[in-house]
Amino acid sequence: MLRLAIDEDFNNHIVRGVKLVRSDIDLLRAQDAGLRTRPDAEVLEWAARENHVLLTHDIETVPPQAYDRVRAGLPMPGVFIIEQSVSIGVAIEEIITLAECSAEGEWEGQVNFLPFK
């Protein structure tokens, strides 16, 4: 099952919903790792070090930082952006499907959206 990292400003209602439905999904939260208010580059480094795909709402700054890591030849297990306009229920379903149906390494070097566009 795919392991996921949660950006510090991610909607906690979504995180709690995922854990309620599937408590076995490996979710690491940036704030639990002491990364609250840290730059995106540090959060991406942490996610890569932990080999977890990052979930974020940040469409403006995370993707450029992720692609900088890829260009530099650094590990980047993947990023999924879930826009804040996506309903909590849809976000929960999409995250669970992503975790259940993805193989480790499948999203390496990629920035994608949930739901898929």
PDB file of N, CA and C in Angstrom:
ATOM      1  N   MET A   1       0.850  -1.181   0.000  1.00  0.00           N
ATOM      2  CA  MET A   1       0.000   0.000   0.000  1.00  0.00           C
ATOM      3  C   MET A   1       0.893   1.241   0.000  1.00  0.00           C
ATOM      4  N   LEU A   2       0.489   2.235  -0.745  1.00  0.00           N
ATOM      5  CA  LEU A   2       1.245   3.474  -0.872  1.00  0.00           C
ATOM      6  C   LEU A   2       1.282   4.204   0.464  1.00  0.00           C
ATOM      7  N   ARG A   3       2.455   4.732   0.803  1.00  0.00           N
ATOM      8  CA  ARG A   3       2.620   5.505   2.036  1.00  0.00           C
ATOM      9  C   ARG A   3       2.515   6.992   1.704  1.00  0.00           C
ATOM     10  N   LEU A   4       1.817   7.735   2.559  1.00  0.00           N
ATOM     11  CA  LEU A   4       1.505   9.118   2.264  1.00  0.00           C
ATOM     12  C   LEU A   4       2.010  10.059   3.352  1.00  0.00           C
ATOM     13  N   ALA A   5       2.488  11.220   2.921  1.00  0.00           N
ATOM     14  CA  ALA A   5       2.869  12.312   3.818  1.00  0.00           C
ATOM     15  C   ALA A   5       1.874  13.435   3.612  1.00  0.00           C
ATOM     16  N   ILE A   6       1.549  14.123   4.674  1.00  0.00           N
ATOM     17  CA  ILE A   6       0.540  15.174   4.638  1.00  0.00           C
ATOM     18  C   ILE A   6       1.208  16.516   4.910  1.00  0.00           C
ATOM     19  N   ASP A   7       1.066  17.450   3.977  1.00  0.00           N
ATOM     20  CA  ASP A   7       1.592  18.803   4.143  1.00  0.00           C
ATOM     21  C   ASP A   7       0.949  19.459   5.363  1.00  0.00           C
ATOM     22  N   GLU A   8       1.657  20.381   5.991  1.00  0.00           N
ATOM     23  CA  GLU A   8       1.199  20.941   7.262  1.00  0.00           C
ATOM     24  C   GLU A   8      -0.116  21.709   7.186  1.00  0.00           C
ATOM     25  N   ASP A   9      -0.466  22.238   6.044  1.00  0.00           N
ATOM     26  CA  ASP A   9      -1.705  23.004   5.959  1.00  0.00           C
ATOM     27  C   ASP A   9      -2.862  22.197   5.353  1.00  0.00           C
ATOM     28  N   PHE A  10      -2.689  20.882   5.280  1.00  0.00           N
ATOM     29  CA  PHE A  10      -3.706  20.021   4.684  1.00  0.00           C
ATOM     30  C   PHE A  10      -4.925  19.936   5.605  1.00  0.00           C
ATOM     31  N   ASN A  11      -6.104  19.836   5.017  1.00  0.00           N
ATOM     32  CA  ASN A  11      -7.367  19.777   5.757  1.00  0.00           C
ATOM     33  C   ASN A  11      -7.410  18.535   6.667  1.00  0.00           C
ATOM     34  N   ASN A  12      -7.418  18.772   7.966  1.00  0.00           N
ATOM     35  CA  ASN A  12      -7.409  17.664   8.918  1.00  0.00           C
ATOM     36  C   ASN A  12      -8.709  16.869   8.939  1.00  0.00           C
ATOM     37  N   HIS A  13      -9.805  17.455   8.452  1.00  0.00           N
ATOM     38  CA  HIS A  13     -11.054  16.684   8.342  1.00  0.00           C
ATOM     39  C   HIS A  13     -10.867  15.543   7.336  1.00  0.00           C
ATOM     40  N   ILE A  14     -10.126  15.815   6.280  1.00  0.00           N
ATOM     41  CA  ILE A  14      -9.838  14.780   5.283  1.00  0.00           C
ATOM     42  C   ILE A  14      -8.947  13.710   5.898  1.00  0.00           C
ATOM     43  N   VAL A  15      -7.918  14.127   6.598  1.00  0.00           N
ATOM     44  CA  VAL A  15      -6.987  13.172   7.226  1.00  0.00           C
ATOM     45  C   VAL A  15      -7.743  12.271   8.207  1.00  0.00           C
ATOM     46  N   ARG A  16      -8.569  12.874   9.055  1.00  0.00           N
ATOM     47  CA  ARG A  16      -9.335  12.079  10.027  1.00  0.00           C
ATOM     48  C   ARG A  16     -10.299  11.129   9.320  1.00  0.00           C
ATOM     49  N   GLY A  17     -10.923  11.585   8.241  1.00  0.00           N
ATOM     50  CA  GLY A  17     -11.829  10.728   7.489  1.00  0.00           C
ATOM     51  C   GLY A  17     -11.128   9.531   6.882  1.00  0.00           C
ATOM     52  N   VAL A  18      -9.949   9.748   6.315  1.00  0.00           N
ATOM     53  CA  VAL A  18      -9.173   8.631   5.759  1.00  0.00           C
ATOM     54  C   VAL A  18      -8.844   7.639   6.866  1.00  0.00           C
ATOM     55  N   LYS A  19      -8.396   8.143   8.019  1.00  0.00           N
ATOM     56  CA  LYS A  19      -8.025   7.246   9.124  1.00  0.00           C
ATOM     57  C   LYS A  19      -9.234   6.501   9.692  1.00  0.00           C
ATOM     58  N   LEU A  20     -10.408   7.132   9.673  1.00  0.00           N
ATOM     59  CA  LEU A  20     -11.612   6.454  10.158  1.00  0.00           C
ATOM     60  C   LEU A  20     -12.013   5.297   9.250  1.00  0.00           C
ATOM     61  N   VAL A  21     -11.896   5.516   7.956  1.00  0.00           N
ATOM     62  CA  VAL A  21     -12.296   4.491   6.994  1.00  0.00           C
ATOM     63  C   VAL A  21     -11.229   3.418   6.849  1.00  0.00           C
ATOM     64  N   ARG A  22      -9.962   3.823   6.814  1.00  0.00           N
ATOM     65  CA  ARG A  22      -8.848   2.884   6.606  1.00  0.00           C
ATOM     66  C   ARG A  22      -7.702   3.229   7.554  1.00  0.00           C
ATOM     67  N   SER A  23      -7.788   2.741   8.766  1.00  0.00           N
ATOM     68  CA  SER A  23      -6.768   3.052   9.774  1.00  0.00           C
ATOM     69  C   SER A  23      -5.406   2.449   9.439  1.00  0.00           C
ATOM     70  N   ASP A  24      -5.354   1.527   8.482  1.00  0.00           N
ATOM     71  CA  ASP A  24      -4.091   0.883   8.128  1.00  0.00           C
ATOM     72  C   ASP A  24      -3.274   1.677   7.107  1.00  0.00           C
ATOM     73  N   ILE A  25      -3.823   2.766   6.581  1.00  0.00           N
ATOM     74  CA  ILE A  25      -3.066   3.581   5.628  1.00  0.00           C
ATOM     75  C   ILE A  25      -2.004   4.364   6.393  1.00  0.00           C
ATOM     76  N   ASP A  26      -0.780   4.289   5.911  1.00  0.00           N
ATOM     77  CA  ASP A  26       0.356   4.964   6.538  1.00  0.00           C
ATOM     78  C   ASP A  26       0.321   6.444   6.152  1.00  0.00           C
ATOM     79  N   LEU A  27      -0.059   7.285   7.109  1.00  0.00           N
ATOM     80  CA  LEU A  27      -0.125   8.730   6.904  1.00  0.00           C
ATOM     81  C   LEU A  27       0.807   9.418   7.895  1.00  0.00           C
ATOM     82  N   LEU A  28       1.802  10.125   7.388  1.00  0.00           N
ATOM     83  CA  LEU A  28       2.684  10.927   8.236  1.00  0.00           C
ATOM     84  C   LEU A  28       2.328  12.382   8.046  1.00  0.00           C
ATOM     85  N   ARG A  29       2.130  13.111   9.147  1.00  0.00           N
ATOM     86  CA  ARG A  29       1.805  14.532   9.049  1.00  0.00           C
ATOM     87  C   ARG A  29       3.050  15.369   9.306  1.00  0.00           C
ATOM     88  N   ALA A  30       3.257  16.373   8.461  1.00  0.00           N
ATOM     89  CA  ALA A  30       4.439  17.235   8.573  1.00  0.00           C
ATOM     90  C   ALA A  30       4.522  17.877   9.952  1.00  0.00           C
ATOM     91  N   GLN A  31       3.406  18.339  10.491  1.00  0.00           N
ATOM     92  CA  GLN A  31       3.466  18.992  11.799  1.00  0.00           C
ATOM     93  C   GLN A  31       3.884  18.028  12.901  1.00  0.00           C
ATOM     94  N   ASP A  32       3.565  16.741  12.764  1.00  0.00           N
ATOM     95  CA  ASP A  32       3.998  15.756  13.755  1.00  0.00           C
ATOM     96  C   ASP A  32       5.500  15.504  13.679  1.00  0.00           C
ATOM     97  N   ALA A  33       6.086  15.837  12.534  1.00  0.00           N
ATOM     98  CA  ALA A  33       7.528  15.677  12.338  1.00  0.00           C
ATOM     99  C   ALA A  33       8.279  16.973  12.644  1.00  0.00           C
ATOM    100  N   GLY A  34       7.590  17.955  13.219  1.00  0.00           N
ATOM    101  CA  GLY A  34       8.230  19.216  13.568  1.00  0.00           C
ATOM    102  C   GLY A  34       8.450  20.148  12.388  1.00  0.00           C
ATOM    103  N   LEU A  35       7.662  19.976  11.323  1.00  0.00           N
ATOM    104  CA  LEU A  35       7.866  20.761  10.109  1.00  0.00           C
ATOM    105  C   LEU A  35       6.808  21.846   9.907  1.00  0.00           C
ATOM    106  N   ARG A  36       6.094  22.179  10.951  1.00  0.00           N
ATOM    107  CA  ARG A  36       5.087  23.243  10.836  1.00  0.00           C
ATOM    108  C   ARG A  36       5.792  24.534  10.444  1.00  0.00           C
ATOM    109  N   THR A  37       5.298  25.205   9.433  1.00  0.00           N
ATOM    110  CA  THR A  37       5.802  26.475   8.892  1.00  0.00           C
ATOM    111  C   THR A  37       7.180  26.363   8.241  1.00  0.00           C
ATOM    112  N   ARG A  38       7.654  25.160   8.001  1.00  0.00           N
ATOM    113  CA  ARG A  38       8.952  24.999   7.331  1.00  0.00           C
ATOM    114  C   ARG A  38       8.763  25.176   5.826  1.00  0.00           C
ATOM    115  N   PRO A  39       9.820  25.583   5.131  1.00  0.00           N
ATOM    116  CA  PRO A  39       9.723  25.772   3.672  1.00  0.00           C
ATOM    117  C   PRO A  39       9.363  24.471   2.948  1.00  0.00           C
ATOM    118  N   ASP A  40       8.711  24.635   1.804  1.00  0.00           N
ATOM    119  CA  ASP A  40       8.298  23.475   1.005  1.00  0.00           C
ATOM    120  C   ASP A  40       9.469  22.561   0.683  1.00  0.00           C
ATOM    121  N   ALA A  41      10.634  23.127   0.413  1.00  0.00           N
ATOM    122  CA  ALA A  41      11.807  22.308   0.083  1.00  0.00           C
ATOM    123  C   ALA A  41      12.127  21.345   1.223  1.00  0.00           C
ATOM    124  N   GLU A  42      11.990  21.793   2.462  1.00  0.00           N
ATOM    125  CA  GLU A  42      12.248  20.921   3.612  1.00  0.00           C
ATOM    126  C   GLU A  42      11.183  19.845   3.754  1.00  0.00           C
ATOM    127  N   VAL A  43       9.933  20.209   3.493  1.00  0.00           N
ATOM    128  CA  VAL A  43       8.843  19.229   3.576  1.00  0.00           C
ATOM    129  C   VAL A  43       9.030  18.164   2.501  1.00  0.00           C
ATOM    130  N   LEU A  44       9.401  18.574   1.299  1.00  0.00           N
ATOM    131  CA  LEU A  44       9.646  17.614   0.220  1.00  0.00           C
ATOM    132  C   LEU A  44      10.842  16.723   0.527  1.00  0.00           C
ATOM    133  N   GLU A  45      11.876  17.286   1.127  1.00  0.00           N
ATOM    134  CA  GLU A  45      13.046  16.487   1.532  1.00  0.00           C
ATOM    135  C   GLU A  45      12.639  15.440   2.561  1.00  0.00           C
ATOM    136  N   TRP A  46      11.842  15.847   3.545  1.00  0.00           N
ATOM    137  CA  TRP A  46      11.351  14.932   4.566  1.00  0.00           C
ATOM    138  C   TRP A  46      10.520  13.809   3.944  1.00  0.00           C
ATOM    139  N   ALA A  47       9.589  14.158   3.048  1.00  0.00           N
ATOM    140  CA  ALA A  47       8.754  13.141   2.405  1.00  0.00           C
ATOM    141  C   ALA A  47       9.618  12.163   1.613  1.00  0.00           C
ATOM    142  N   ALA A  48      10.627  12.682   0.931  1.00  0.00           N
ATOM    143  CA  ALA A  48      11.529  11.811   0.159  1.00  0.00           C
ATOM    144  C   ALA A  48      12.340  10.908   1.088  1.00  0.00           C
ATOM    145  N   ARG A  49      12.835  11.474   2.165  1.00  0.00           N
ATOM    146  CA  ARG A  49      13.619  10.684   3.126  1.00  0.00           C
ATOM    147  C   ARG A  49      12.772   9.548   3.720  1.00  0.00           C
ATOM    148  N   GLU A  50      11.496   9.831   3.953  1.00  0.00           N
ATOM    149  CA  GLU A  50      10.570   8.837   4.510  1.00  0.00           C
ATOM    150  C   GLU A  50       9.963   7.944   3.426  1.00  0.00           C
ATOM    151  N   ASN A  51      10.238   8.269   2.148  1.00  0.00           N
ATOM    152  CA  ASN A  51       9.694   7.551   0.990  1.00  0.00           C
ATOM    153  C   ASN A  51       8.168   7.523   1.012  1.00  0.00           C
ATOM    154  N   HIS A  52       7.590   8.699   1.225  1.00  0.00           N
ATOM    155  CA  HIS A  52       6.140   8.883   1.234  1.00  0.00           C
ATOM    156  C   HIS A  52       5.753   9.894   0.163  1.00  0.00           C
ATOM    157  N   VAL A  53       4.684   9.628  -0.553  1.00  0.00           N
ATOM    158  CA  VAL A  53       4.128  10.567  -1.518  1.00  0.00           C
ATOM    159  C   VAL A  53       3.454  11.694  -0.732  1.00  0.00           C
ATOM    160  N   LEU A  54       3.698  12.938  -1.134  1.00  0.00           N
ATOM    161  CA  LEU A  54       3.160  14.098  -0.415  1.00  0.00           C
ATOM    162  C   LEU A  54       1.785  14.488  -0.935  1.00  0.00           C
ATOM    163  N   LEU A  55       0.846  14.683  -0.005  1.00  0.00           N
ATOM    164  CA  LEU A  55      -0.468  15.237  -0.318  1.00  0.00           C
ATOM    165  C   LEU A  55      -0.481  16.688   0.139  1.00  0.00           C
ATOM    166  N   THR A  56      -0.961  17.581  -0.725  1.00  0.00           N
ATOM    167  CA  THR A  56      -0.977  19.003  -0.399  1.00  0.00           C
ATOM    168  C   THR A  56      -2.161  19.683  -1.067  1.00  0.00           C
ATOM    169  N   HIS A  57      -2.507  20.853  -0.554  1.00  0.00           N
ATOM    170  CA  HIS A  57      -3.473  21.726  -1.214  1.00  0.00           C
ATOM    171  C   HIS A  57      -2.731  22.833  -1.963  1.00  0.00           C
ATOM    172  N   ASP A  58      -1.434  22.935  -1.768  1.00  0.00           N
ATOM    173  CA  ASP A  58      -0.624  24.060  -2.253  1.00  0.00           C
ATOM    174  C   ASP A  58      -0.257  23.900  -3.720  1.00  0.00           C
ATOM    175  N   ILE A  59      -1.042  24.513  -4.575  1.00  0.00           N
ATOM    176  CA  ILE A  59      -0.823  24.422  -6.018  1.00  0.00           C
ATOM    177  C   ILE A  59       0.224  25.435  -6.496  1.00  0.00           C
ATOM    178  N   GLU A  60       0.494  26.464  -5.699  1.00  0.00           N
ATOM    179  CA  GLU A  60       1.382  27.548  -6.124  1.00  0.00           C
ATOM    180  C   GLU A  60       2.865  27.242  -5.918  1.00  0.00           C
ATOM    181  N   THR A  61       3.240  26.774  -4.740  1.00  0.00           N
ATOM    182  CA  THR A  61       4.677  26.676  -4.430  1.00  0.00           C
ATOM    183  C   THR A  61       5.235  25.262  -4.371  1.00  0.00           C
ATOM    184  N   VAL A  62       4.415  24.276  -4.033  1.00  0.00           N
ATOM    185  CA  VAL A  62       4.943  22.905  -3.933  1.00  0.00           C
ATOM    186  C   VAL A  62       5.372  22.342  -5.292  1.00  0.00           C
ATOM    187  N   PRO A  63       4.555  22.445  -6.358  1.00  0.00           N
ATOM    188  CA  PRO A  63       4.992  21.864  -7.634  1.00  0.00           C
ATOM    189  C   PRO A  63       6.340  22.382  -8.137  1.00  0.00           C
ATOM    190  N   PRO A  64       6.603  23.696  -8.135  1.00  0.00           N
ATOM    191  CA  PRO A  64       7.930  24.133  -8.598  1.00  0.00           C
ATOM    192  C   PRO A  64       9.067  23.560  -7.758  1.00  0.00           C
ATOM    193  N   GLN A  65       8.862  23.481  -6.452  1.00  0.00           N
ATOM    194  CA  GLN A  65       9.894  22.912  -5.580  1.00  0.00           C
ATOM    195  C   GLN A  65      10.090  21.416  -5.865  1.00  0.00           C
ATOM    196  N   ALA A  66       8.993  20.722  -6.126  1.00  0.00           N
ATOM    197  CA  ALA A  66       9.080  19.291  -6.454  1.00  0.00           C
ATOM    198  C   ALA A  66       9.859  19.080  -7.744  1.00  0.00           C
ATOM    199  N   TYR A  67       9.541  19.877  -8.756  1.00  0.00           N
ATOM    200  CA  TYR A  67      10.254  19.748 -10.030  1.00  0.00           C
ATOM    201  C   TYR A  67      11.716  20.170  -9.912  1.00  0.00           C
ATOM    202  N   ASP A  68      12.022  21.107  -9.017  1.00  0.00           N
ATOM    203  CA  ASP A  68      13.429  21.453  -8.758  1.00  0.00           C
ATOM    204  C   ASP A  68      14.184  20.237  -8.240  1.00  0.00           C
ATOM    205  N   ARG A  69      13.552  19.457  -7.357  1.00  0.00           N
ATOM    206  CA  ARG A  69      14.184  18.237  -6.841  1.00  0.00           C
ATOM    207  C   ARG A  69      14.438  17.244  -7.977  1.00  0.00           C
ATOM    208  N   VAL A  70      13.451  17.094  -8.856  1.00  0.00           N
ATOM    209  CA  VAL A  70      13.589  16.153  -9.972  1.00  0.00           C
ATOM    210  C   VAL A  70      14.744  16.590 -10.877  1.00  0.00           C
ATOM    211  N   ARG A  71      14.778  17.879 -11.230  1.00  0.00           N
ATOM    212  CA  ARG A  71      15.858  18.391 -12.091  1.00  0.00           C
ATOM    213  C   ARG A  71      17.229  18.228 -11.454  1.00  0.00           C
ATOM    214  N   ALA A  72      17.288  18.324 -10.143  1.00  0.00           N
ATOM    215  CA  ALA A  72      18.555  18.184  -9.429  1.00  0.00           C
ATOM    216  C   ALA A  72      18.948  16.718  -9.229  1.00  0.00           C
ATOM    217  N   GLY A  73      18.099  15.790  -9.676  1.00  0.00           N
ATOM    218  CA  GLY A  73      18.392  14.371  -9.517  1.00  0.00           C
ATOM    219  C   GLY A  73      18.172  13.856  -8.105  1.00  0.00           C
ATOM    220  N   LEU A  74      17.386  14.594  -7.328  1.00  0.00           N
ATOM    221  CA  LEU A  74      17.087  14.190  -5.949  1.00  0.00           C
ATOM    222  C   LEU A  74      15.821  13.342  -5.922  1.00  0.00           C
ATOM    223  N   PRO A  75      15.688  12.465  -4.945  1.00  0.00           N
ATOM    224  CA  PRO A  75      14.475  11.657  -4.859  1.00  0.00           C
ATOM    225  C   PRO A  75      13.242  12.537  -4.633  1.00  0.00           C
ATOM    226  N   MET A  76      12.158  12.176  -5.292  1.00  0.00           N
ATOM    227  CA  MET A  76      10.889  12.874  -5.132  1.00  0.00           C
ATOM    228  C   MET A  76       9.800  11.840  -5.383  1.00  0.00           C
ATOM    229  N   PRO A  77       9.333  11.167  -4.298  1.00  0.00           N
ATOM    230  CA  PRO A  77       8.392  10.047  -4.454  1.00  0.00           C
ATOM    231  C   PRO A  77       7.070  10.391  -5.111  1.00  0.00           C
ATOM    232  N   GLY A  78       6.771  11.670  -5.235  1.00  0.00           N
ATOM    233  CA  GLY A  78       5.541  12.095  -5.883  1.00  0.00           C
ATOM    234  C   GLY A  78       4.780  13.091  -5.034  1.00  0.00           C
ATOM    235  N   VAL A  79       3.960  13.878  -5.710  1.00  0.00           N
ATOM    236  CA  VAL A  79       3.107  14.868  -5.052  1.00  0.00           C
ATOM    237  C   VAL A  79       1.721  14.755  -5.664  1.00  0.00           C
ATOM    238  N   PHE A  80       0.717  14.786  -4.808  1.00  0.00           N
ATOM    239  CA  PHE A  80      -0.669  14.879  -5.259  1.00  0.00           C
ATOM    240  C   PHE A  80      -1.280  16.129  -4.653  1.00  0.00           C
ATOM    241  N   ILE A  81      -1.831  16.949  -5.534  1.00  0.00           N
ATOM    242  CA  ILE A  81      -2.490  18.179  -5.127  1.00  0.00           C
ATOM    243  C   ILE A  81      -3.989  17.922  -5.114  1.00  0.00           C
ATOM    244  N   ILE A  82      -4.609  18.247  -3.996  1.00  0.00           N
ATOM    245  CA  ILE A  82      -6.060  18.165  -3.877  1.00  0.00           C
ATOM    246  C   ILE A  82      -6.539  19.593  -3.633  1.00  0.00           C
ATOM    247  N   GLU A  83      -7.185  20.161  -4.625  1.00  0.00           N
ATOM    248  CA  GLU A  83      -7.651  21.532  -4.489  1.00  0.00           C
ATOM    249  C   GLU A  83      -8.662  21.627  -3.352  1.00  0.00           C
ATOM    250  N   GLN A  84      -8.655  22.769  -2.675  1.00  0.00           N
ATOM    251  CA  GLN A  84      -9.531  22.954  -1.521  1.00  0.00           C
ATOM    252  C   GLN A  84     -11.004  22.926  -1.894  1.00  0.00           C
ATOM    253  N   SER A  85     -11.317  23.107  -3.177  1.00  0.00           N
ATOM    254  CA  SER A  85     -12.715  23.080  -3.621  1.00  0.00           C
ATOM    255  C   SER A  85     -13.274  21.654  -3.711  1.00  0.00           C
ATOM    256  N   VAL A  86     -12.413  20.646  -3.651  1.00  0.00           N
ATOM    257  CA  VAL A  86     -12.866  19.254  -3.702  1.00  0.00           C
ATOM    258  C   VAL A  86     -13.557  18.927  -2.377  1.00  0.00           C
ATOM    259  N   SER A  87     -14.716  18.294  -2.451  1.00  0.00           N
ATOM    260  CA  SER A  87     -15.442  17.966  -1.220  1.00  0.00           C
ATOM    261  C   SER A  87     -14.634  16.992  -0.370  1.00  0.00           C
ATOM    262  N   ILE A  88     -14.859  17.051   0.916  1.00  0.00           N
ATOM    263  CA  ILE A  88     -14.140  16.191   1.854  1.00  0.00           C
ATOM    264  C   ILE A  88     -14.390  14.723   1.524  1.00  0.00           C
ATOM    265  N   GLY A  89     -15.645  14.367   1.232  1.00  0.00           N
ATOM    266  CA  GLY A  89     -15.969  12.980   0.905  1.00  0.00           C
ATOM    267  C   GLY A  89     -15.231  12.478  -0.324  1.00  0.00           C
ATOM    268  N   VAL A  90     -15.210  13.280  -1.370  1.00  0.00           N
ATOM    269  CA  VAL A  90     -14.503  12.896  -2.597  1.00  0.00           C
ATOM    270  C   VAL A  90     -13.008  12.780  -2.307  1.00  0.00           C
ATOM    271  N   ALA A  91     -12.455  13.729  -1.569  1.00  0.00           N
ATOM    272  CA  ALA A  91     -11.027  13.684  -1.249  1.00  0.00           C
ATOM    273  C   ALA A  91     -10.675  12.405  -0.492  1.00  0.00           C
ATOM    274  N   ILE A  92     -11.498  12.040   0.474  1.00  0.00           N
ATOM    275  CA  ILE A  92     -11.253  10.820   1.254  1.00  0.00           C
ATOM    276  C   ILE A  92     -11.269   9.596   0.334  1.00  0.00           C
ATOM    277  N   GLU A  93     -12.283   9.483  -0.503  1.00  0.00           N
ATOM    278  CA  GLU A  93     -12.375   8.340  -1.423  1.00  0.00           C
ATOM    279  C   GLU A  93     -11.177   8.276  -2.358  1.00  0.00           C
ATOM    280  N   GLU A  94     -10.782   9.415  -2.902  1.00  0.00           N
ATOM    281  CA  GLU A  94      -9.658   9.453  -3.847  1.00  0.00           C
ATOM    282  C   GLU A  94      -8.346   9.059  -3.169  1.00  0.00           C
ATOM    283  N   ILE A  95      -8.129   9.532  -1.963  1.00  0.00           N
ATOM    284  CA  ILE A  95      -6.890   9.204  -1.237  1.00  0.00           C
ATOM    285  C   ILE A  95      -6.840   7.718  -0.923  1.00  0.00           C
ATOM    286  N   ILE A  96      -7.948   7.163  -0.481  1.00  0.00           N
ATOM    287  CA  ILE A  96      -7.991   5.732  -0.174  1.00  0.00           C
ATOM    288  C   ILE A  96      -7.727   4.915  -1.435  1.00  0.00           C
ATOM    289  N   THR A  97      -8.353   5.286  -2.534  1.00  0.00           N
ATOM    290  CA  THR A  97      -8.119   4.577  -3.792  1.00  0.00           C
ATOM    291  C   THR A  97      -6.655   4.688  -4.208  1.00  0.00           C
ATOM    292  N   LEU A  98      -6.096   5.885  -4.099  1.00  0.00           N
ATOM    293  CA  LEU A  98      -4.685   6.093  -4.433  1.00  0.00           C
ATOM    294  C   LEU A  98      -3.786   5.176  -3.602  1.00  0.00           C
ATOM    295  N   ALA A  99      -4.018   5.155  -2.297  1.00  0.00           N
ATOM    296  CA  ALA A  99      -3.183   4.341  -1.412  1.00  0.00           C
ATOM    297  C   ALA A  99      -3.333   2.849  -1.698  1.00  0.00           C
ATOM    298  N   GLU A 100      -4.553   2.408  -1.940  1.00  0.00           N
ATOM    299  CA  GLU A 100      -4.815   0.984  -2.155  1.00  0.00           C
ATOM    300  C   GLU A 100      -4.327   0.484  -3.516  1.00  0.00           C
ATOM    301  N   CYS A 101      -4.400   1.322  -4.519  1.00  0.00           N
ATOM    302  CA  CYS A 101      -4.182   0.861  -5.898  1.00  0.00           C
ATOM    303  C   CYS A 101      -2.832   1.254  -6.485  1.00  0.00           C
ATOM    304  N   SER A 102      -1.985   1.892  -5.710  1.00  0.00           N
ATOM    305  CA  SER A 102      -0.684   2.337  -6.225  1.00  0.00           C
ATOM    306  C   SER A 102       0.438   1.494  -5.641  1.00  0.00           C
ATOM    307  N   ALA A 103       1.435   1.306  -6.457  1.00  0.00           N
ATOM    308  CA  ALA A 103       2.640   0.596  -6.013  1.00  0.00           C
ATOM    309  C   ALA A 103       3.687   1.605  -5.579  1.00  0.00           C
ATOM    310  N   GLU A 104       4.523   1.194  -4.640  1.00  0.00           N
ATOM    311  CA  GLU A 104       5.624   2.052  -4.216  1.00  0.00           C
ATOM    312  C   GLU A 104       6.486   2.384  -5.429  1.00  0.00           C
ATOM    313  N   GLY A 105       6.825   3.651  -5.581  1.00  0.00           N
ATOM    314  CA  GLY A 105       7.654   4.099  -6.684  1.00  0.00           C
ATOM    315  C   GLY A 105       6.888   4.476  -7.939  1.00  0.00           C
ATOM    316  N   GLU A 106       5.605   4.177  -7.981  1.00  0.00           N
ATOM    317  CA  GLU A 106       4.804   4.430  -9.183  1.00  0.00           C
ATOM    318  C   GLU A 106       4.722   5.910  -9.539  1.00  0.00           C
ATOM    319  N   TRP A 107       4.745   6.780  -8.551  1.00  0.00           N
ATOM    320  CA  TRP A 107       4.549   8.208  -8.787  1.00  0.00           C
ATOM    321  C   TRP A 107       5.847   9.006  -8.682  1.00  0.00           C
ATOM    322  N   GLU A 108       6.975   8.319  -8.637  1.00  0.00           N
ATOM    323  CA  GLU A 108       8.292   8.966  -8.517  1.00  0.00           C
ATOM    324  C   GLU A 108       8.450  10.063  -9.575  1.00  0.00           C
ATOM    325  N   GLY A 109       8.832  11.262  -9.102  1.00  0.00           N
ATOM    326  CA  GLY A 109       9.123  12.374  -9.998  1.00  0.00           C
ATOM    327  C   GLY A 109       7.919  13.052 -10.608  1.00  0.00           C
ATOM    328  N   GLN A 110       6.711  12.720 -10.147  1.00  0.00           N
ATOM    329  CA  GLN A 110       5.491  13.258 -10.758  1.00  0.00           C
ATOM    330  C   GLN A 110       4.718  14.156  -9.788  1.00  0.00           C
ATOM    331  N   VAL A 111       4.053  15.151 -10.353  1.00  0.00           N
ATOM    332  CA  VAL A 111       3.090  15.980  -9.632  1.00  0.00           C
ATOM    333  C   VAL A 111       1.751  15.767 -10.327  1.00  0.00           C
ATOM    334  N   ASN A 112       0.758  15.333  -9.568  1.00  0.00           N
ATOM    335  CA  ASN A 112      -0.560  15.014 -10.119  1.00  0.00           C
ATOM    336  C   ASN A 112      -1.658  15.664  -9.274  1.00  0.00           C
ATOM    337  N   PHE A 113      -2.876  15.612  -9.780  1.00  0.00           N
ATOM    338  CA  PHE A 113      -4.039  16.152  -9.085  1.00  0.00           C
ATOM    339  C   PHE A 113      -4.977  15.012  -8.706  1.00  0.00           C
ATOM    340  N   LEU A 114      -5.650  15.166  -7.578  1.00  0.00           N
ATOM    341  CA  LEU A 114      -6.770  14.306  -7.182  1.00  0.00           C
ATOM    342  C   LEU A 114      -7.984  15.201  -7.020  1.00  0.00           C
ATOM    343  N   PRO A 115      -9.134  14.836  -7.533  1.00  0.00           N
ATOM    344  CA  PRO A 115      -9.280  13.729  -8.461  1.00  0.00           C
ATOM    345  C   PRO A 115      -8.519  14.008  -9.745  1.00  0.00           C
ATOM    346  N   PHE A 116      -8.147  12.913 -10.431  1.00  0.00           N
ATOM    347  CA  PHE A 116      -7.402  13.056 -11.677  1.00  0.00           C
ATOM    348  C   PHE A 116      -8.185  13.908 -12.657  1.00  0.00           C
ATOM    349  N   LYS A 117      -7.484  14.791 -13.329  1.00  0.00           N
ATOM    350  CA  LYS A 117      -8.136  15.687 -14.293  1.00  0.00           C
ATOM    351  C   LYS A 117      -7.932  15.172 -15.695  1.00  0.00           C
TER     352      LYS A 117
END
